[in-house]
Amino acid sequence: MSGPSGGREARWADWARAAEDPRRAAEKPEALDGLLVLDCAVEHYGGHVLGGFLGELGAEVVKLEPPGGDPARAWGPADVGVRGEGLAYLAEGRNRYYATLDLASTDGQTLFRELAARADVVIEGFAPGQMDVWGIGYRQLEPVNPRLVYVALSTHGQFGPRSEGSGPEYDLIDQALSGLAYITGEPGDVGPEGGPTRVGSWISAYAQAAWGGVATLAALHWRETSGRGQMIDVSGAEALMRYLEYTLLLYHGSREVRERLGGMDIAVSVYTFIPVKDGWAFIAGYTDPNFGAICRIMGRPELAQDPRFRTTLDRTQPDKRAALRDEIARWSVNYTASEILAKVLADPGPGTVVFGPVNRPTQTLAEEHWWERGCFARLDDPIYGALTLAAPAWRMTRTPPRLKVPGRPAGFHTTHVYARHLGLGPARLAELRGRGII
């Protein structure tokens, strides 16, 4: 296709690959360059992830831990670690400076105040009001630094009947309180075949980091015109409530409580996971023409005219949903995912079927597509050795995020941080260390 200048335009995918190429990220500027972030979210994985997100975008993130280290450093499988670090902590410990500080001490609070006076963002995950009790919460810091953006993460939020005295943050609590766990899992309420199922990852932490990150960037943008920072209050349970999509409207409109459906969907069918000879696969074709295509591929064209399954409304009725799933499963379990995919690709239409295998994590890791896009990074780190980590989840053509360095041991950058930002020399730092303040 000829462009305005008369030349040949590159294919879109070729242009996007060149413009976004993560291997060239180091050649480009960083969106948050020059911002100082203090991350003091001890034993709070959502704060840990949020600090990493902002570090990927170029902020100077300083992780402040107790002198003995953040207890979260042990998080991960008890029998597997890397140089003494828990896998969960190391997975998201990237792109920051690690310093130690006892926030419960008077001198520690003084040092924190001095750092916060120079900072753009503070991230904390203590029990609501704890930082305020120490005299270093948003109310005390705002007069010292009116431009400060202060992110407070907690299970129940900073106010409300459940906020005072609330305990540590746990992903399982957030999933349970939000209602997300209730709609996740197989139908039924008892026994191994039924009951709520937690989402397999610590999704609450990533939800808090995502919403907290969006709010932080919005607050920084508003600060450009107003000159003022603000406090951001993110509740882990509330963060997951936004993952319920139309569940609330369903009750409002029909008084129907959304129940667990396992791999099926309440609104459309066929749209589910099915067993295959070599594992599991997903299959979707919920409009009438697309459902007809599934029936052809199965060698059961008459199924599209079965009174139970003739229309979308028929197929989404609870008893018919289950019966249809069973019909498909009896067929699919006789073929591998590749064999079914070949049938899908060979079908002449009308209607289309969406089909593919459910990957194990190792299969995802082995796919060339994700490596070409830079989804994963292999590092040979001088401290932790060979690591394979998830790279930033988004691409940007002008100011791309990047993974510079994995985590570091507690206090690794303590001297650098206090010398750079507060001008403290060796004698003063030795005194603070001797008293257990840093």
Protein backbone atom coordinates (compact mmCIF):
# COMPACT_ATOMS: atom_id res chain seq x y z
CA MET A 1 0.00 0.00 0.00
CA SER A 2 1.39 3.37 -0.96
CA GLY A 3 1.78 5.95 1.80
CA PRO A 4 1.39 9.74 1.55
CA SER A 5 4.99 10.05 0.43
CA GLY A 6 4.56 7.45 -2.29
CA GLY A 7 6.67 4.81 -0.51
CA ARG A 8 5.56 1.40 0.59
CA GLU A 9 4.26 1.29 4.17
CA ALA A 10 5.44 -1.54 6.40
CA ARG A 11 2.94 -4.11 7.54
CA TRP A 12 1.36 -3.03 10.82
CA ALA A 13 2.92 -5.90 12.78
CA ASP A 14 6.37 -5.02 11.41
CA TRP A 15 5.94 -1.37 12.36
CA ALA A 16 4.69 -2.26 15.85
CA ARG A 17 7.56 -4.71 16.39
CA ALA A 18 10.15 -2.08 15.49
CA ALA A 19 8.46 0.72 17.47
CA GLU A 20 7.95 -1.34 20.61
CA ASP A 21 10.99 -3.63 20.54
CA PRO A 22 11.73 -4.25 24.25
CA ARG A 23 15.35 -4.97 23.43
CA ARG A 24 15.77 -1.28 22.56
CA ALA A 25 14.09 0.05 25.70
CA ALA A 26 17.39 1.23 27.18
CA GLU A 27 17.80 3.63 24.25
CA LYS A 28 14.61 5.51 25.13
CA PRO A 29 13.61 7.85 27.98
CA GLU A 30 11.60 6.71 30.99
CA ALA A 31 8.14 8.08 31.73
CA LEU A 32 8.67 8.52 35.50
CA ASP A 33 12.33 9.53 35.42
CA GLY A 34 13.08 11.96 38.24
CA LEU A 35 10.31 10.79 40.59
CA LEU A 36 11.29 9.53 44.04
CA VAL A 37 9.07 6.79 45.52
CA LEU A 38 9.35 5.57 49.12
CA ASP A 39 8.00 2.03 49.42
CA CYS A 40 7.52 1.12 53.09
CA ALA A 41 4.81 -1.50 52.55
CA VAL A 42 6.25 -4.09 54.93
CA GLU A 43 4.62 -7.55 54.74
CA HIS A 44 2.31 -6.27 52.01
CA TYR A 45 2.66 -7.91 48.61
CA GLY A 46 0.39 -5.42 46.83
CA GLY A 47 2.69 -2.58 47.85
CA HIS A 48 5.69 -4.64 46.80
CA VAL A 49 4.21 -5.15 43.32
CA LEU A 50 3.17 -1.48 43.02
CA GLY A 51 6.71 -0.35 43.79
CA GLY A 52 7.93 -2.64 41.04
CA PHE A 53 5.42 -1.24 38.55
CA LEU A 54 6.56 2.33 39.21
CA GLY A 55 10.19 1.23 39.03
CA GLU A 56 9.57 -0.37 35.64
CA LEU A 57 8.36 3.03 34.43
CA GLY A 58 11.56 4.72 35.56
CA ALA A 59 10.85 6.07 39.05
CA GLU A 60 13.60 5.91 41.64
CA VAL A 61 11.99 3.52 44.12
CA VAL A 62 13.50 3.16 47.59
CA LYS A 63 12.34 0.10 49.53
CA LEU A 64 12.48 0.81 53.27
CA GLU A 65 12.51 -2.33 55.42
CA PRO A 66 13.03 -2.97 59.12
CA PRO A 67 16.72 -3.47 59.98
CA GLY A 68 16.16 -7.24 60.04
CA GLY A 69 14.54 -7.20 56.60
CA ASP A 70 10.92 -7.42 55.49
CA PRO A 71 9.40 -10.72 56.74
CA ALA A 72 7.83 -10.97 53.28
CA ARG A 73 11.27 -11.92 51.99
CA ALA A 74 10.49 -15.46 53.13
CA TRP A 75 7.27 -15.70 51.14
CA GLY A 76 7.08 -18.50 48.61
CA PRO A 77 7.40 -22.30 48.78
CA ALA A 78 9.19 -23.13 52.02
CA ASP A 79 11.54 -25.64 50.40
CA VAL A 80 12.55 -23.55 47.40
CA GLY A 81 14.38 -20.23 47.40
CA VAL A 82 17.20 -18.35 45.71
CA ARG A 83 20.16 -17.43 47.93
CA GLY A 84 17.81 -17.35 50.92
CA GLU A 85 15.14 -15.20 49.28
CA GLY A 86 11.56 -16.39 48.88
CA LEU A 87 10.45 -16.77 45.28
CA ALA A 88 7.41 -14.49 45.66
CA TYR A 89 9.49 -11.61 47.00
CA LEU A 90 12.21 -12.01 44.42
CA ALA A 91 9.74 -12.30 41.55
CA GLU A 92 8.58 -8.70 42.06
CA GLY A 93 11.55 -7.15 43.83
CA ARG A 94 12.89 -5.46 40.73
CA ASN A 95 14.14 -1.97 39.93
CA ARG A 96 14.58 -0.41 43.36
CA TYR A 97 17.06 0.58 46.01
CA TYR A 98 16.97 -1.36 49.29
CA ALA A 99 17.54 0.50 52.54
CA THR A 100 16.65 -0.26 56.14
CA LEU A 101 14.83 1.93 58.68
CA ASP A 102 13.03 1.31 61.96
CA LEU A 103 9.83 3.30 61.53
CA ALA A 104 8.70 2.47 65.08
CA SER A 105 11.62 4.44 66.56
CA THR A 106 11.67 8.19 67.09
CA ASP A 107 14.88 8.65 65.15
CA GLY A 108 13.58 6.41 62.37
CA GLN A 109 10.47 8.53 62.11
CA THR A 110 12.60 11.67 61.89
CA LEU A 111 14.64 10.20 59.05
CA PHE A 112 11.49 9.07 57.26
CA ARG A 113 10.00 12.57 57.53
CA GLU A 114 13.13 14.01 55.97
CA LEU A 115 12.99 11.51 53.12
CA ALA A 116 9.26 12.09 52.58
CA ALA A 117 9.87 15.84 52.35
CA ARG A 118 11.90 15.10 49.21
CA ALA A 119 9.70 12.32 47.81
CA ASP A 120 6.96 12.35 45.21
CA VAL A 121 5.17 9.16 46.28
CA VAL A 122 4.90 7.13 49.49
CA ILE A 123 3.51 3.58 49.46
CA GLU A 124 2.49 2.00 52.77
CA GLY A 125 0.56 -1.10 53.77
CA PHE A 126 0.34 -0.92 57.55
CA ALA A 127 -2.89 -1.29 59.53
CA PRO A 128 -5.07 1.79 58.94
CA GLY A 129 -3.88 4.66 61.11
CA GLN A 130 -0.58 3.08 62.18
CA MET A 131 1.56 5.55 60.25
CA ASP A 132 -0.54 8.36 61.71
CA VAL A 133 0.11 7.04 65.24
CA TRP A 134 3.83 7.15 64.47
CA GLY A 135 3.49 10.76 63.33
CA ILE A 136 4.44 9.99 59.74
CA GLY A 137 1.03 9.46 58.14
CA TYR A 138 -0.43 11.61 55.40
CA ARG A 139 -1.82 14.21 57.82
CA GLN A 140 1.66 14.89 59.21
CA LEU A 141 3.53 14.63 55.93
CA GLU A 142 1.22 16.80 53.81
CA PRO A 143 2.20 20.10 55.54
CA VAL A 144 5.87 19.18 55.11
CA ASN A 145 5.42 18.19 51.45
CA PRO A 146 2.15 19.44 49.93
CA ARG A 147 2.99 17.77 46.60
CA LEU A 148 3.25 14.30 48.11
CA VAL A 149 1.11 11.48 46.68
CA TYR A 150 0.50 9.02 49.52
CA VAL A 151 -0.80 5.51 48.70
CA ALA A 152 -2.30 3.57 51.62
CA LEU A 153 -3.10 -0.11 50.98
CA SER A 154 -5.18 -2.26 53.34
CA THR A 155 -7.84 -4.98 53.41
CA HIS A 156 -10.80 -2.84 54.51
CA GLY A 157 -9.67 0.68 53.63
CA GLN A 158 -8.79 3.62 55.88
CA PHE A 159 -12.30 4.20 57.26
CA GLY A 160 -15.50 2.27 57.83
CA PRO A 161 -16.72 -0.11 60.57
CA ARG A 162 -14.17 -2.81 59.65
CA SER A 163 -11.13 -0.58 59.18
CA GLU A 164 -10.07 0.08 62.77
CA GLY A 165 -8.08 -2.73 64.24
CA SER A 166 -8.00 -4.69 60.98
CA GLY A 167 -5.17 -7.20 60.80
CA PRO A 168 -2.54 -8.04 58.20
CA GLU A 169 -3.33 -8.17 54.51
CA TYR A 170 -4.05 -11.64 53.12
CA ASP A 171 -5.02 -12.36 49.55
CA LEU A 172 -7.41 -15.10 50.65
CA ILE A 173 -9.30 -12.64 52.89
CA ASP A 174 -9.63 -10.17 50.02
CA GLN A 175 -10.94 -12.86 47.68
CA ALA A 176 -13.46 -14.02 50.27
CA LEU A 177 -14.68 -10.54 51.24
CA SER A 178 -15.00 -9.34 47.65
CA GLY A 179 -17.33 -12.14 46.53
CA LEU A 180 -14.86 -13.24 43.86
CA ALA A 181 -14.15 -16.56 45.57
CA TYR A 182 -17.87 -17.30 45.79
CA ILE A 183 -18.33 -17.25 42.01
CA THR A 184 -15.07 -19.14 41.35
CA GLY A 185 -15.12 -22.94 41.44
CA GLU A 186 -17.36 -25.86 40.64
CA PRO A 187 -21.11 -25.85 41.37
CA GLY A 188 -22.26 -27.13 44.74
CA ASP A 189 -21.39 -26.36 48.32
CA VAL A 190 -19.93 -29.49 49.89
CA GLY A 191 -17.33 -32.11 49.21
CA PRO A 192 -14.33 -32.10 46.88
CA GLU A 193 -16.51 -31.56 43.79
CA GLY A 194 -18.01 -28.26 44.93
CA GLY A 195 -17.42 -25.09 46.88
CA PRO A 196 -15.52 -21.84 46.36
CA THR A 197 -12.06 -21.95 44.83
CA ARG A 198 -9.46 -19.26 45.33
CA VAL A 199 -7.94 -17.77 42.20
CA GLY A 200 -4.65 -19.60 41.75
CA SER A 201 -2.35 -16.58 42.15
CA TRP A 202 -2.26 -13.76 44.71
CA ILE A 203 -4.58 -11.78 42.48
CA SER A 204 -5.51 -9.28 45.19
CA ALA A 205 -1.94 -7.99 45.34
CA TYR A 206 -1.85 -7.42 41.60
CA ALA A 207 -5.30 -5.78 41.63
CA GLN A 208 -4.20 -3.38 44.36
CA ALA A 209 -1.01 -2.61 42.45
CA ALA A 210 -2.94 -2.01 39.21
CA TRP A 211 -5.59 0.29 40.71
CA GLY A 212 -3.06 1.94 43.01
CA GLY A 213 -0.79 2.54 40.03
CA VAL A 214 -3.58 4.07 37.94
CA ALA A 215 -4.57 6.36 40.82
CA THR A 216 -0.94 7.35 41.44
CA LEU A 217 -0.43 8.37 37.83
CA ALA A 218 -3.73 10.30 37.88
CA ALA A 219 -2.69 12.10 41.07
CA LEU A 220 0.71 12.98 39.61
CA HIS A 221 -1.00 14.37 36.51
CA TRP A 222 -3.39 16.50 38.60
CA ARG A 223 -0.44 17.74 40.66
CA GLU A 224 1.00 19.31 37.51
CA THR A 225 -1.84 21.83 37.38
CA SER A 226 -2.84 22.07 41.05
CA GLY A 227 0.56 21.85 42.72
CA ARG A 228 -1.01 19.55 45.31
CA GLY A 229 -0.62 15.90 46.12
CA GLN A 230 -3.25 13.74 47.81
CA MET A 231 -3.85 10.48 49.66
CA ILE A 232 -4.94 7.38 47.74
CA ASP A 233 -6.88 4.76 49.72
CA VAL A 234 -6.91 1.28 48.11
CA SER A 235 -8.74 -1.62 49.76
CA GLY A 236 -7.73 -5.10 48.66
CA ALA A 237 -11.30 -6.40 48.85
CA GLU A 238 -12.61 -3.42 46.88
CA ALA A 239 -9.89 -3.87 44.28
CA LEU A 240 -11.24 -7.35 43.56
CA MET A 241 -14.87 -6.19 43.53
CA ARG A 242 -14.16 -4.54 40.16
CA TYR A 243 -13.44 -8.04 38.84
CA LEU A 244 -17.06 -9.09 39.40
CA GLU A 245 -18.19 -7.31 36.19
CA TYR A 246 -22.02 -7.49 35.96
CA THR A 247 -22.63 -9.61 39.09
CA LEU A 248 -24.15 -6.71 41.03
CA LEU A 249 -26.36 -5.65 38.14
CA LEU A 250 -27.56 -9.23 37.77
CA TYR A 251 -28.94 -9.14 41.30
CA HIS A 252 -30.30 -5.64 40.85
CA GLY A 253 -32.11 -6.57 37.65
CA SER A 254 -33.34 -10.08 38.47
CA ARG A 255 -32.70 -10.74 42.17
CA GLU A 256 -30.59 -13.66 40.94
CA VAL A 257 -27.42 -14.44 42.89
CA ARG A 258 -24.61 -15.44 40.57
CA GLU A 259 -23.50 -18.96 41.45
CA ARG A 260 -20.44 -20.98 40.59
CA LEU A 261 -20.41 -22.58 37.16
CA GLY A 262 -16.91 -24.01 36.99
CA GLY A 263 -15.61 -23.62 33.46
CA MET A 264 -18.96 -22.44 32.08
CA ASP A 265 -20.34 -18.93 31.73
CA ILE A 266 -23.69 -17.60 32.91
CA ALA A 267 -24.37 -15.49 29.82
CA VAL A 268 -23.14 -17.51 26.85
CA SER A 269 -22.76 -21.15 25.78
CA VAL A 270 -20.72 -22.83 24.39
CA TYR A 271 -17.92 -21.01 26.19
CA THR A 272 -16.00 -23.40 28.42
CA PHE A 273 -13.05 -25.68 29.10
CA ILE A 274 -13.26 -29.26 27.89
CA PRO A 275 -11.19 -32.39 28.55
CA VAL A 276 -9.05 -33.64 25.69
CA LYS A 277 -6.84 -36.70 25.37
CA ASP A 278 -3.71 -34.75 26.30
CA GLY A 279 -5.10 -32.36 28.94
CA TRP A 280 -7.62 -29.52 28.70
CA ALA A 281 -8.68 -27.04 26.05
CA PHE A 282 -11.05 -24.11 25.69
CA ILE A 283 -13.80 -23.94 23.12
CA ALA A 284 -16.14 -21.07 22.27
CA GLY A 285 -18.94 -20.71 19.77
CA TYR A 286 -22.00 -19.23 21.39
CA THR A 287 -23.89 -17.57 18.56
CA ASP A 288 -26.24 -19.91 16.69
CA PRO A 289 -24.06 -20.13 13.52
CA ASN A 290 -20.94 -20.69 15.62
CA PHE A 291 -22.64 -23.35 17.71
CA GLY A 292 -23.65 -25.02 14.47
CA ALA A 293 -19.99 -25.09 13.47
CA ILE A 294 -19.09 -26.86 16.74
CA CYS A 295 -21.75 -29.47 16.01
CA ARG A 296 -20.36 -30.05 12.50
CA ILE A 297 -16.83 -30.43 13.83
CA MET A 298 -18.09 -32.95 16.35
CA GLY A 299 -19.82 -34.89 13.56
CA ARG A 300 -23.12 -34.15 15.26
CA PRO A 301 -24.85 -31.57 13.02
CA GLU A 302 -28.25 -32.66 14.33
CA LEU A 303 -27.29 -31.36 17.79
CA ALA A 304 -27.74 -27.79 16.54
CA GLN A 305 -31.44 -28.56 16.01
CA ASP A 306 -31.91 -30.32 19.35
CA PRO A 307 -34.74 -28.44 21.15
CA ARG A 308 -32.55 -28.25 24.25
CA PHE A 309 -29.79 -26.33 22.48
CA ARG A 310 -31.39 -24.57 19.52
CA THR A 311 -30.93 -20.96 20.70
CA THR A 312 -28.48 -19.04 22.88
CA LEU A 313 -31.18 -18.68 25.53
CA ASP A 314 -31.79 -22.43 25.49
CA ARG A 315 -28.09 -23.23 25.83
CA THR A 316 -27.59 -20.98 28.85
CA GLN A 317 -30.32 -22.57 30.97
CA PRO A 318 -28.62 -24.27 33.96
CA ASP A 319 -29.68 -27.87 33.23
CA LYS A 320 -29.07 -27.53 29.49
CA ARG A 321 -25.66 -25.93 30.01
CA ALA A 322 -24.51 -29.00 31.90
CA ALA A 323 -26.03 -31.42 29.41
CA LEU A 324 -24.33 -29.64 26.51
CA ARG A 325 -20.99 -29.65 28.28
CA ASP A 326 -21.32 -33.40 28.80
CA GLU A 327 -22.16 -33.95 25.12
CA ILE A 328 -19.02 -32.09 24.05
CA ALA A 329 -16.82 -33.74 26.69
CA ARG A 330 -17.82 -37.25 25.58
CA TRP A 331 -16.55 -36.32 22.11
CA SER A 332 -13.50 -34.20 22.97
CA VAL A 333 -11.86 -36.65 25.35
CA ASN A 334 -11.18 -38.97 22.40
CA TYR A 335 -8.89 -36.47 20.61
CA THR A 336 -5.79 -34.46 21.38
CA ALA A 337 -5.96 -30.68 21.31
CA SER A 338 -3.97 -30.66 18.06
CA GLU A 339 -6.38 -33.07 16.41
CA ILE A 340 -9.39 -30.96 17.36
CA LEU A 341 -7.64 -27.79 16.21
CA ALA A 342 -7.06 -29.42 12.81
CA LYS A 343 -10.78 -30.15 12.57
CA VAL A 344 -11.60 -26.54 13.47
CA LEU A 345 -9.23 -25.17 10.83
CA ALA A 346 -10.60 -27.52 8.19
CA ASP A 347 -14.25 -26.62 8.76
CA PRO A 348 -15.57 -24.59 5.78
CA GLY A 349 -18.19 -22.63 7.73
CA PRO A 350 -20.56 -20.92 8.15
CA GLY A 351 -19.75 -19.91 11.68
CA THR A 352 -16.43 -19.93 13.44
CA VAL A 353 -15.12 -21.82 16.43
CA VAL A 354 -12.51 -20.50 18.86
CA PHE A 355 -10.40 -23.33 20.21
CA GLY A 356 -7.02 -23.89 21.83
CA PRO A 357 -5.19 -25.86 24.52
CA VAL A 358 -5.02 -24.77 28.15
CA ASN A 359 -1.31 -24.26 28.69
CA ARG A 360 0.66 -25.37 31.67
CA PRO A 361 2.93 -22.50 32.79
CA THR A 362 5.91 -24.33 31.31
CA GLN A 363 4.15 -24.54 27.94
CA THR A 364 3.47 -20.80 28.01
CA LEU A 365 7.13 -20.21 28.85
CA ALA A 366 8.16 -22.32 25.85
CA GLU A 367 6.12 -20.40 23.26
CA GLU A 368 8.23 -18.35 20.85
CA HIS A 369 5.48 -15.73 20.49
CA TRP A 370 5.82 -14.51 24.08
CA TRP A 371 9.61 -14.46 23.94
CA GLU A 372 9.54 -12.40 20.75
CA ARG A 373 7.29 -9.90 22.50
CA GLY A 374 9.65 -9.73 25.47
CA CYS A 375 7.18 -11.16 28.01
CA PHE A 376 9.96 -12.97 29.85
CA ALA A 377 13.51 -12.03 30.73
CA ARG A 378 16.48 -14.26 31.49
CA LEU A 379 19.05 -12.61 33.74
CA ASP A 380 22.47 -13.73 34.91
CA ASP A 381 22.61 -11.84 38.19
CA PRO A 382 25.83 -11.54 40.21
CA ILE A 383 23.95 -12.16 43.47
CA TYR A 384 21.09 -14.50 42.61
CA GLY A 385 22.51 -16.27 39.57
CA ALA A 386 20.38 -17.32 36.59
CA LEU A 387 16.80 -16.03 36.85
CA THR A 388 13.80 -16.13 34.55
CA LEU A 389 11.34 -13.35 35.43
CA ALA A 390 8.15 -11.89 34.01
CA ALA A 391 8.89 -8.68 32.12
CA PRO A 392 6.62 -5.60 32.18
CA ALA A 393 3.16 -6.48 30.91
CA TRP A 394 2.72 -3.53 28.56
CA ARG A 395 4.60 -2.02 25.62
CA MET A 396 5.13 1.68 24.91
CA THR A 397 6.68 3.16 21.80
CA ARG A 398 8.25 6.31 23.33
CA THR A 399 8.84 5.61 27.04
CA PRO A 400 8.82 1.82 27.42
CA PRO A 401 8.99 0.13 30.82
CA ARG A 402 11.94 -2.10 31.48
CA LEU A 403 13.33 -4.67 33.89
CA LYS A 404 16.75 -3.39 34.91
CA VAL A 405 17.75 -5.47 37.90
CA PRO A 406 16.08 -8.04 40.19
CA GLY A 407 15.79 -7.58 43.95
CA ARG A 408 18.66 -7.08 46.33
CA PRO A 409 19.28 -8.18 49.94
CA ALA A 410 17.87 -6.08 52.76
CA GLY A 411 19.92 -2.92 53.30
CA PHE A 412 21.98 -3.41 50.15
CA HIS A 413 21.73 0.29 49.23
CA THR A 414 21.38 1.80 52.72
CA THR A 415 24.60 3.85 52.55
CA HIS A 416 23.78 5.09 49.05
CA VAL A 417 20.20 6.12 49.90
CA TYR A 418 21.02 8.12 53.04
CA ALA A 419 24.12 9.71 51.55
CA ARG A 420 22.34 10.68 48.34
CA HIS A 421 19.07 11.99 49.76
CA LEU A 422 19.99 13.18 53.27
CA GLY A 423 23.74 13.73 52.99
CA LEU A 424 24.58 11.43 55.90
CA GLY A 425 28.23 10.48 56.20
CA PRO A 426 29.94 7.30 57.39
CA ALA A 427 30.13 8.31 61.06
CA ARG A 428 26.43 9.16 61.31
CA LEU A 429 25.44 5.99 59.46
CA ALA A 430 27.65 3.89 61.75
CA GLU A 431 25.98 5.46 64.78
CA LEU A 432 22.47 4.75 63.40
CA ARG A 433 23.45 1.17 62.62
CA GLY A 434 24.87 0.67 66.06
CA ARG A 435 21.57 1.79 67.62
CA GLY A 436 19.48 -0.42 65.32
CA ILE A 437 17.77 2.53 63.56
CA ILE A 438 18.97 1.43 60.11
